[in-house]
């Protein structure tokens, strides 16, 4: 499964990593590598919990245009 991780640098220099497809998936770390690694861990945990509950996860993303 391929998911998207977005990386943002905050004004204080901290790195925010988010996964749009996973609810509440946000990680704030001091460097990009740690942020990505921890975001992946959070995604894996979410997917394991969904599987244990017997709830399939089928992400849906749509692209919209803002004018």
PDB file of N, CA and C in Angstrom:
ATOM      1  N   UNK A   1       0.854  -1.176   0.000  1.00  0.00           N
ATOM      2  CA  UNK A   1       0.000   0.000   0.000  1.00  0.00           C
ATOM      3  C   UNK A   1       0.895   1.233   0.000  1.00  0.00           C
ATOM      4  N   UNK A   2       0.582   2.176  -0.840  1.00  0.00           N
ATOM      5  CA  UNK A   2       1.321   3.434  -0.873  1.00  0.00           C
ATOM      6  C   UNK A   2       0.455   4.537  -0.281  1.00  0.00           C
ATOM      7  N   UNK A   3       1.039   5.278   0.650  1.00  0.00           N
ATOM      8  CA  UNK A   3       0.365   6.412   1.267  1.00  0.00           C
ATOM      9  C   UNK A   3       1.270   7.628   1.123  1.00  0.00           C
ATOM     10  N   UNK A   4       0.734   8.788   1.396  1.00  0.00           N
ATOM     11  CA  UNK A   4       1.483  10.035   1.255  1.00  0.00           C
ATOM     12  C   UNK A   4       1.876  10.594   2.615  1.00  0.00           C
ATOM     13  N   UNK A   5       3.139  10.996   2.737  1.00  0.00           N
ATOM     14  CA  UNK A   5       3.600  11.703   3.930  1.00  0.00           C
ATOM     15  C   UNK A   5       4.003  13.102   3.491  1.00  0.00           C
ATOM     16  N   UNK A   6       3.422  14.097   4.137  1.00  0.00           N
ATOM     17  CA  UNK A   6       3.774  15.494   3.862  1.00  0.00           C
ATOM     18  C   UNK A   6       4.697  15.982   4.969  1.00  0.00           C
ATOM     19  N   UNK A   7       5.705  16.751   4.583  1.00  0.00           N
ATOM     20  CA  UNK A   7       6.701  17.261   5.525  1.00  0.00           C
ATOM     21  C   UNK A   7       6.630  18.783   5.531  1.00  0.00           C
ATOM     22  N   UNK A   8       6.552  19.353   6.726  1.00  0.00           N
ATOM     23  CA  UNK A   8       6.504  20.809   6.877  1.00  0.00           C
ATOM     24  C   UNK A   8       7.535  21.238   7.912  1.00  0.00           C
ATOM     25  N   UNK A   9       8.241  22.323   7.644  1.00  0.00           N
ATOM     26  CA  UNK A   9       9.133  22.883   8.655  1.00  0.00           C
ATOM     27  C   UNK A   9       8.385  23.994   9.368  1.00  0.00           C
ATOM     28  N   UNK A  10       8.307  23.891  10.682  1.00  0.00           N
ATOM     29  CA  UNK A  10       7.597  24.866  11.493  1.00  0.00           C
ATOM     30  C   UNK A  10       8.490  26.087  11.743  1.00  0.00           C
ATOM     31  N   UNK A  11       7.900  27.224  12.133  1.00  0.00           N
ATOM     32  CA  UNK A  11       8.694  28.436  12.377  1.00  0.00           C
ATOM     33  C   UNK A  11       9.816  28.252  13.403  1.00  0.00           C
ATOM     34  N   UNK A  12       9.623  27.338  14.353  1.00  0.00           N
ATOM     35  CA  UNK A  12      10.648  27.112  15.374  1.00  0.00           C
ATOM     36  C   UNK A  12      11.712  26.102  14.937  1.00  0.00           C
ATOM     37  N   UNK A  13      11.621  25.632  13.686  1.00  0.00           N
ATOM     38  CA  UNK A  13      12.597  24.688  13.156  1.00  0.00           C
ATOM     39  C   UNK A  13      12.224  23.230  13.316  1.00  0.00           C
ATOM     40  N   UNK A  14      11.166  22.941  14.065  1.00  0.00           N
ATOM     41  CA  UNK A  14      10.707  21.562  14.222  1.00  0.00           C
ATOM     42  C   UNK A  14      10.107  21.088  12.898  1.00  0.00           C
ATOM     43  N   UNK A  15      10.102  19.770  12.706  1.00  0.00           N
ATOM     44  CA  UNK A  15       9.583  19.173  11.482  1.00  0.00           C
ATOM     45  C   UNK A  15       8.270  18.460  11.795  1.00  0.00           C
ATOM     46  N   UNK A  16       7.243  18.764  11.021  1.00  0.00           N
ATOM     47  CA  UNK A  16       5.935  18.131  11.153  1.00  0.00           C
ATOM     48  C   UNK A  16       5.740  17.188   9.975  1.00  0.00           C
ATOM     49  N   UNK A  17       5.460  15.917  10.267  1.00  0.00           N
ATOM     50  CA  UNK A  17       5.155  14.929   9.234  1.00  0.00           C
ATOM     51  C   UNK A  17       3.711  14.492   9.427  1.00  0.00           C
ATOM     52  N   UNK A  18       2.947  14.485   8.340  1.00  0.00           N
ATOM     53  CA  UNK A  18       1.546  14.077   8.409  1.00  0.00           C
ATOM     54  C   UNK A  18       1.233  13.092   7.292  1.00  0.00           C
ATOM     55  N   UNK A  19       0.238  12.256   7.526  1.00  0.00           N
ATOM     56  CA  UNK A  19      -0.271  11.361   6.492  1.00  0.00           C
ATOM     57  C   UNK A  19      -1.747  11.683   6.322  1.00  0.00           C
ATOM     58  N   UNK A  20      -2.095  12.246   5.183  1.00  0.00           N
ATOM     59  CA  UNK A  20      -3.464  12.711   4.949  1.00  0.00           C
ATOM     60  C   UNK A  20      -4.488  11.578   4.979  1.00  0.00           C
ATOM     61  N   UNK A  21      -4.081  10.383   4.575  1.00  0.00           N
ATOM     62  CA  UNK A  21      -5.032   9.273   4.507  1.00  0.00           C
ATOM     63  C   UNK A  21      -5.362   8.674   5.873  1.00  0.00           C
ATOM     64  N   UNK A  22      -4.517   8.905   6.860  1.00  0.00           N
ATOM     65  CA  UNK A  22      -4.699   8.313   8.190  1.00  0.00           C
ATOM     66  C   UNK A  22      -5.195   9.389   9.155  1.00  0.00           C
ATOM     67  N   UNK A  23      -6.367   9.203   9.759  1.00  0.00           N
ATOM     68  CA  UNK A  23      -6.890  10.212  10.686  1.00  0.00           C
ATOM     69  C   UNK A  23      -5.935  10.467  11.861  1.00  0.00           C
ATOM     70  N   UNK A  24      -5.721  11.709  12.169  1.00  0.00           N
ATOM     71  CA  UNK A  24      -4.919  12.136  13.320  1.00  0.00           C
ATOM     72  C   UNK A  24      -3.454  11.701  13.238  1.00  0.00           C
ATOM     73  N   UNK A  25      -2.935  11.479  12.057  1.00  0.00           N
ATOM     74  CA  UNK A  25      -1.544  11.058  11.901  1.00  0.00           C
ATOM     75  C   UNK A  25      -0.663  12.289  11.736  1.00  0.00           C
ATOM     76  N   UNK A  26      -0.101  12.742  12.843  1.00  0.00           N
ATOM     77  CA  UNK A  26       0.789  13.905  12.858  1.00  0.00           C
ATOM     78  C   UNK A  26       1.925  13.633  13.823  1.00  0.00           C
ATOM     79  N   UNK A  27       3.140  13.920  13.374  1.00  0.00           N
ATOM     80  CA  UNK A  27       4.322  13.692  14.193  1.00  0.00           C
ATOM     81  C   UNK A  27       5.183  14.946  14.141  1.00  0.00           C
ATOM     82  N   UNK A  28       5.626  15.417  15.292  1.00  0.00           N
ATOM     83  CA  UNK A  28       6.481  16.599  15.383  1.00  0.00           C
ATOM     84  C   UNK A  28       7.823  16.163  15.970  1.00  0.00           C
ATOM     85  N   UNK A  29       8.898  16.341  15.192  1.00  0.00           N
ATOM     86  CA  UNK A  29      10.232  15.918  15.622  1.00  0.00           C
ATOM     87  C   UNK A  29      11.267  16.988  15.277  1.00  0.00           C
ATOM     88  N   UNK A  30      12.485  16.789  15.770  1.00  0.00           N
ATOM     89  CA  UNK A  30      13.541  17.774  15.550  1.00  0.00           C
ATOM     90  C   UNK A  30      14.203  17.659  14.183  1.00  0.00           C
ATOM     91  N   UNK A  31      14.099  16.488  13.531  1.00  0.00           N
ATOM     92  CA  UNK A  31      14.675  16.386  12.192  1.00  0.00           C
ATOM     93  C   UNK A  31      13.780  15.555  11.282  1.00  0.00           C
ATOM     94  N   UNK A  32      14.002  15.723   9.995  1.00  0.00           N
ATOM     95  CA  UNK A  32      13.149  15.107   8.980  1.00  0.00           C
ATOM     96  C   UNK A  32      13.174  13.580   9.049  1.00  0.00           C
ATOM     97  N   UNK A  33      14.352  13.000   9.249  1.00  0.00           N
ATOM     98  CA  UNK A  33      14.466  11.545   9.302  1.00  0.00           C
ATOM     99  C   UNK A  33      13.642  10.937  10.419  1.00  0.00           C
ATOM    100  N   UNK A  34      13.738  11.511  11.611  1.00  0.00           N
ATOM    101  CA  UNK A  34      12.958  11.004  12.750  1.00  0.00           C
ATOM    102  C   UNK A  34      11.463  11.209  12.522  1.00  0.00           C
ATOM    103  N   UNK A  35      11.091  12.334  11.938  1.00  0.00           N
ATOM    104  CA  UNK A  35       9.673  12.611  11.683  1.00  0.00           C
ATOM    105  C   UNK A  35       9.086  11.578  10.726  1.00  0.00           C
ATOM    106  N   UNK A  36       9.814  11.269   9.659  1.00  0.00           N
ATOM    107  CA  UNK A  36       9.328  10.292   8.681  1.00  0.00           C
ATOM    108  C   UNK A  36       9.253   8.904   9.307  1.00  0.00           C
ATOM    109  N   UNK A  37      10.292   8.507  10.030  1.00  0.00           N
ATOM    110  CA  UNK A  37      10.316   7.190  10.680  1.00  0.00           C
ATOM    111  C   UNK A  37       9.154   7.034  11.651  1.00  0.00           C
ATOM    112  N   UNK A  38       8.924   8.031  12.487  1.00  0.00           N
ATOM    113  CA  UNK A  38       7.844   7.945  13.470  1.00  0.00           C
ATOM    114  C   UNK A  38       6.470   8.010  12.816  1.00  0.00           C
ATOM    115  N   UNK A  39       6.354   8.742  11.723  1.00  0.00           N
ATOM    116  CA  UNK A  39       5.085   8.792  10.992  1.00  0.00           C
ATOM    117  C   UNK A  39       4.778   7.410  10.408  1.00  0.00           C
ATOM    118  N   UNK A  40       5.788   6.742   9.860  1.00  0.00           N
ATOM    119  CA  UNK A  40       5.603   5.384   9.334  1.00  0.00           C
ATOM    120  C   UNK A  40       5.161   4.435  10.443  1.00  0.00           C
ATOM    121  N   UNK A  41       5.767   4.562  11.626  1.00  0.00           N
ATOM    122  CA  UNK A  41       5.379   3.713  12.764  1.00  0.00           C
ATOM    123  C   UNK A  41       3.920   3.934  13.149  1.00  0.00           C
ATOM    124  N   UNK A  42       3.506   5.182  13.160  1.00  0.00           N
ATOM    125  CA  UNK A  42       2.120   5.510  13.501  1.00  0.00           C
ATOM    126  C   UNK A  42       1.158   4.920  12.468  1.00  0.00           C
ATOM    127  N   UNK A  43       1.528   4.989  11.199  1.00  0.00           N
ATOM    128  CA  UNK A  43       0.713   4.408  10.126  1.00  0.00           C
ATOM    129  C   UNK A  43       0.606   2.899  10.316  1.00  0.00           C
ATOM    130  N   UNK A  44       1.737   2.236  10.571  1.00  0.00           N
ATOM    131  CA  UNK A  44       1.731   0.785  10.765  1.00  0.00           C
ATOM    132  C   UNK A  44       0.867   0.389  11.957  1.00  0.00           C
ATOM    133  N   UNK A  45       0.946   1.147  13.034  1.00  0.00           N
ATOM    134  CA  UNK A  45       0.123   0.871  14.216  1.00  0.00           C
ATOM    135  C   UNK A  45      -1.358   1.003  13.872  1.00  0.00           C
ATOM    136  N   UNK A  46      -1.729   2.053  13.159  1.00  0.00           N
ATOM    137  CA  UNK A  46      -3.115   2.268  12.747  1.00  0.00           C
ATOM    138  C   UNK A  46      -3.607   1.088  11.910  1.00  0.00           C
ATOM    139  N   UNK A  47      -2.788   0.661  10.933  1.00  0.00           N
ATOM    140  CA  UNK A  47      -3.195  -0.439  10.056  1.00  0.00           C
ATOM    141  C   UNK A  47      -3.326  -1.752  10.824  1.00  0.00           C
ATOM    142  N   UNK A  48      -2.419  -2.016  11.773  1.00  0.00           N
ATOM    143  CA  UNK A  48      -2.519  -3.228  12.599  1.00  0.00           C
ATOM    144  C   UNK A  48      -3.800  -3.226  13.430  1.00  0.00           C
ATOM    145  N   UNK A  49      -4.133  -2.080  14.018  1.00  0.00           N
ATOM    146  CA  UNK A  49      -5.349  -1.981  14.829  1.00  0.00           C
ATOM    147  C   UNK A  49      -6.590  -2.201  13.977  1.00  0.00           C
ATOM    148  N   UNK A  50      -6.610  -1.622  12.787  1.00  0.00           N
ATOM    149  CA  UNK A  50      -7.760  -1.823  11.897  1.00  0.00           C
ATOM    150  C   UNK A  50      -7.897  -3.296  11.519  1.00  0.00           C
ATOM    151  N   UNK A  51      -6.764  -3.935  11.218  1.00  0.00           N
ATOM    152  CA  UNK A  51      -6.790  -5.345  10.847  1.00  0.00           C
ATOM    153  C   UNK A  51      -7.286  -6.199  12.016  1.00  0.00           C
ATOM    154  N   UNK A  52      -6.825  -5.910  13.223  1.00  0.00           N
ATOM    155  CA  UNK A  52      -7.241  -6.662  14.409  1.00  0.00           C
ATOM    156  C   UNK A  52      -8.738  -6.520  14.663  1.00  0.00           C
ATOM    157  N   UNK A  53      -9.297  -5.377  14.304  1.00  0.00           N
ATOM    158  CA  UNK A  53     -10.729  -5.123  14.484  1.00  0.00           C
ATOM    159  C   UNK A  53     -11.559  -5.662  13.324  1.00  0.00           C
ATOM    160  N   UNK A  54     -10.905  -6.181  12.294  1.00  0.00           N
ATOM    161  CA  UNK A  54     -11.619  -6.693  11.131  1.00  0.00           C
ATOM    162  C   UNK A  54     -12.231  -5.597  10.278  1.00  0.00           C
ATOM    163  N   UNK A  55     -11.649  -4.413  10.357  1.00  0.00           N
ATOM    164  CA  UNK A  55     -12.159  -3.270   9.590  1.00  0.00           C
ATOM    165  C   UNK A  55     -11.174  -2.951   8.470  1.00  0.00           C
ATOM    166  N   UNK A  56     -11.536  -3.246   7.236  1.00  0.00           N
ATOM    167  CA  UNK A  56     -10.616  -2.963   6.133  1.00  0.00           C
ATOM    168  C   UNK A  56     -10.363  -1.464   5.992  1.00  0.00           C
ATOM    169  N   UNK A  57      -9.177  -1.136   5.541  1.00  0.00           N
ATOM    170  CA  UNK A  57      -8.814   0.262   5.336  1.00  0.00           C
ATOM    171  C   UNK A  57      -8.594   0.494   3.854  1.00  0.00           C
ATOM    172  N   UNK A  58      -9.465   1.287   3.270  1.00  0.00           N
ATOM    173  CA  UNK A  58      -9.351   1.639   1.856  1.00  0.00           C
ATOM    174  C   UNK A  58      -9.327   3.159   1.776  1.00  0.00           C
ATOM    175  N   UNK A  59      -8.131   3.738   1.670  1.00  0.00           N
ATOM    176  CA  UNK A  59      -8.043   5.204   1.651  1.00  0.00           C
ATOM    177  C   UNK A  59      -8.608   5.784   0.362  1.00  0.00           C
ATOM    178  N   UNK A  60      -9.178   6.957   0.475  1.00  0.00           N
ATOM    179  CA  UNK A  60      -9.682   7.670  -0.703  1.00  0.00           C
ATOM    180  C   UNK A  60      -9.207   9.112  -0.612  1.00  0.00           C
ATOM    181  N   UNK A  61      -8.511   9.536  -1.642  1.00  0.00           N
ATOM    182  CA  UNK A  61      -8.074  10.927  -1.712  1.00  0.00           C
ATOM    183  C   UNK A  61      -8.590  11.516  -3.012  1.00  0.00           C
ATOM    184  N   UNK A  62      -8.946  12.762  -2.938  1.00  0.00           N
ATOM    185  CA  UNK A  62      -9.405  13.472  -4.131  1.00  0.00           C
ATOM    186  C   UNK A  62      -8.602  14.739  -4.297  1.00  0.00           C
ATOM    187  N   UNK A  63      -8.339  15.060  -5.523  1.00  0.00           N
ATOM    188  CA  UNK A  63      -7.635  16.300  -5.831  1.00  0.00           C
ATOM    189  C   UNK A  63      -8.674  17.352  -6.182  1.00  0.00           C
ATOM    190  N   UNK A  64      -8.552  18.517  -5.567  1.00  0.00           N
ATOM    191  CA  UNK A  64      -9.489  19.599  -5.854  1.00  0.00           C
ATOM    192  C   UNK A  64      -8.711  20.813  -6.320  1.00  0.00           C
ATOM    193  N   UNK A  65      -9.382  21.689  -7.004  1.00  0.00           N
ATOM    194  CA  UNK A  65      -8.753  22.917  -7.471  1.00  0.00           C
ATOM    195  C   UNK A  65      -9.344  24.093  -6.712  1.00  0.00           C
ATOM    196  N   UNK A  66      -8.485  24.940  -6.207  1.00  0.00           N
ATOM    197  CA  UNK A  66      -8.904  26.133  -5.481  1.00  0.00           C
ATOM    198  C   UNK A  66      -8.581  27.334  -6.349  1.00  0.00           C
ATOM    199  N   UNK A  67      -9.579  28.162  -6.559  1.00  0.00           N
ATOM    200  CA  UNK A  67      -9.316  29.344  -7.398  1.00  0.00           C
ATOM    201  C   UNK A  67      -9.280  30.600  -6.566  1.00  0.00           C
TER     202      UNK A  67
END
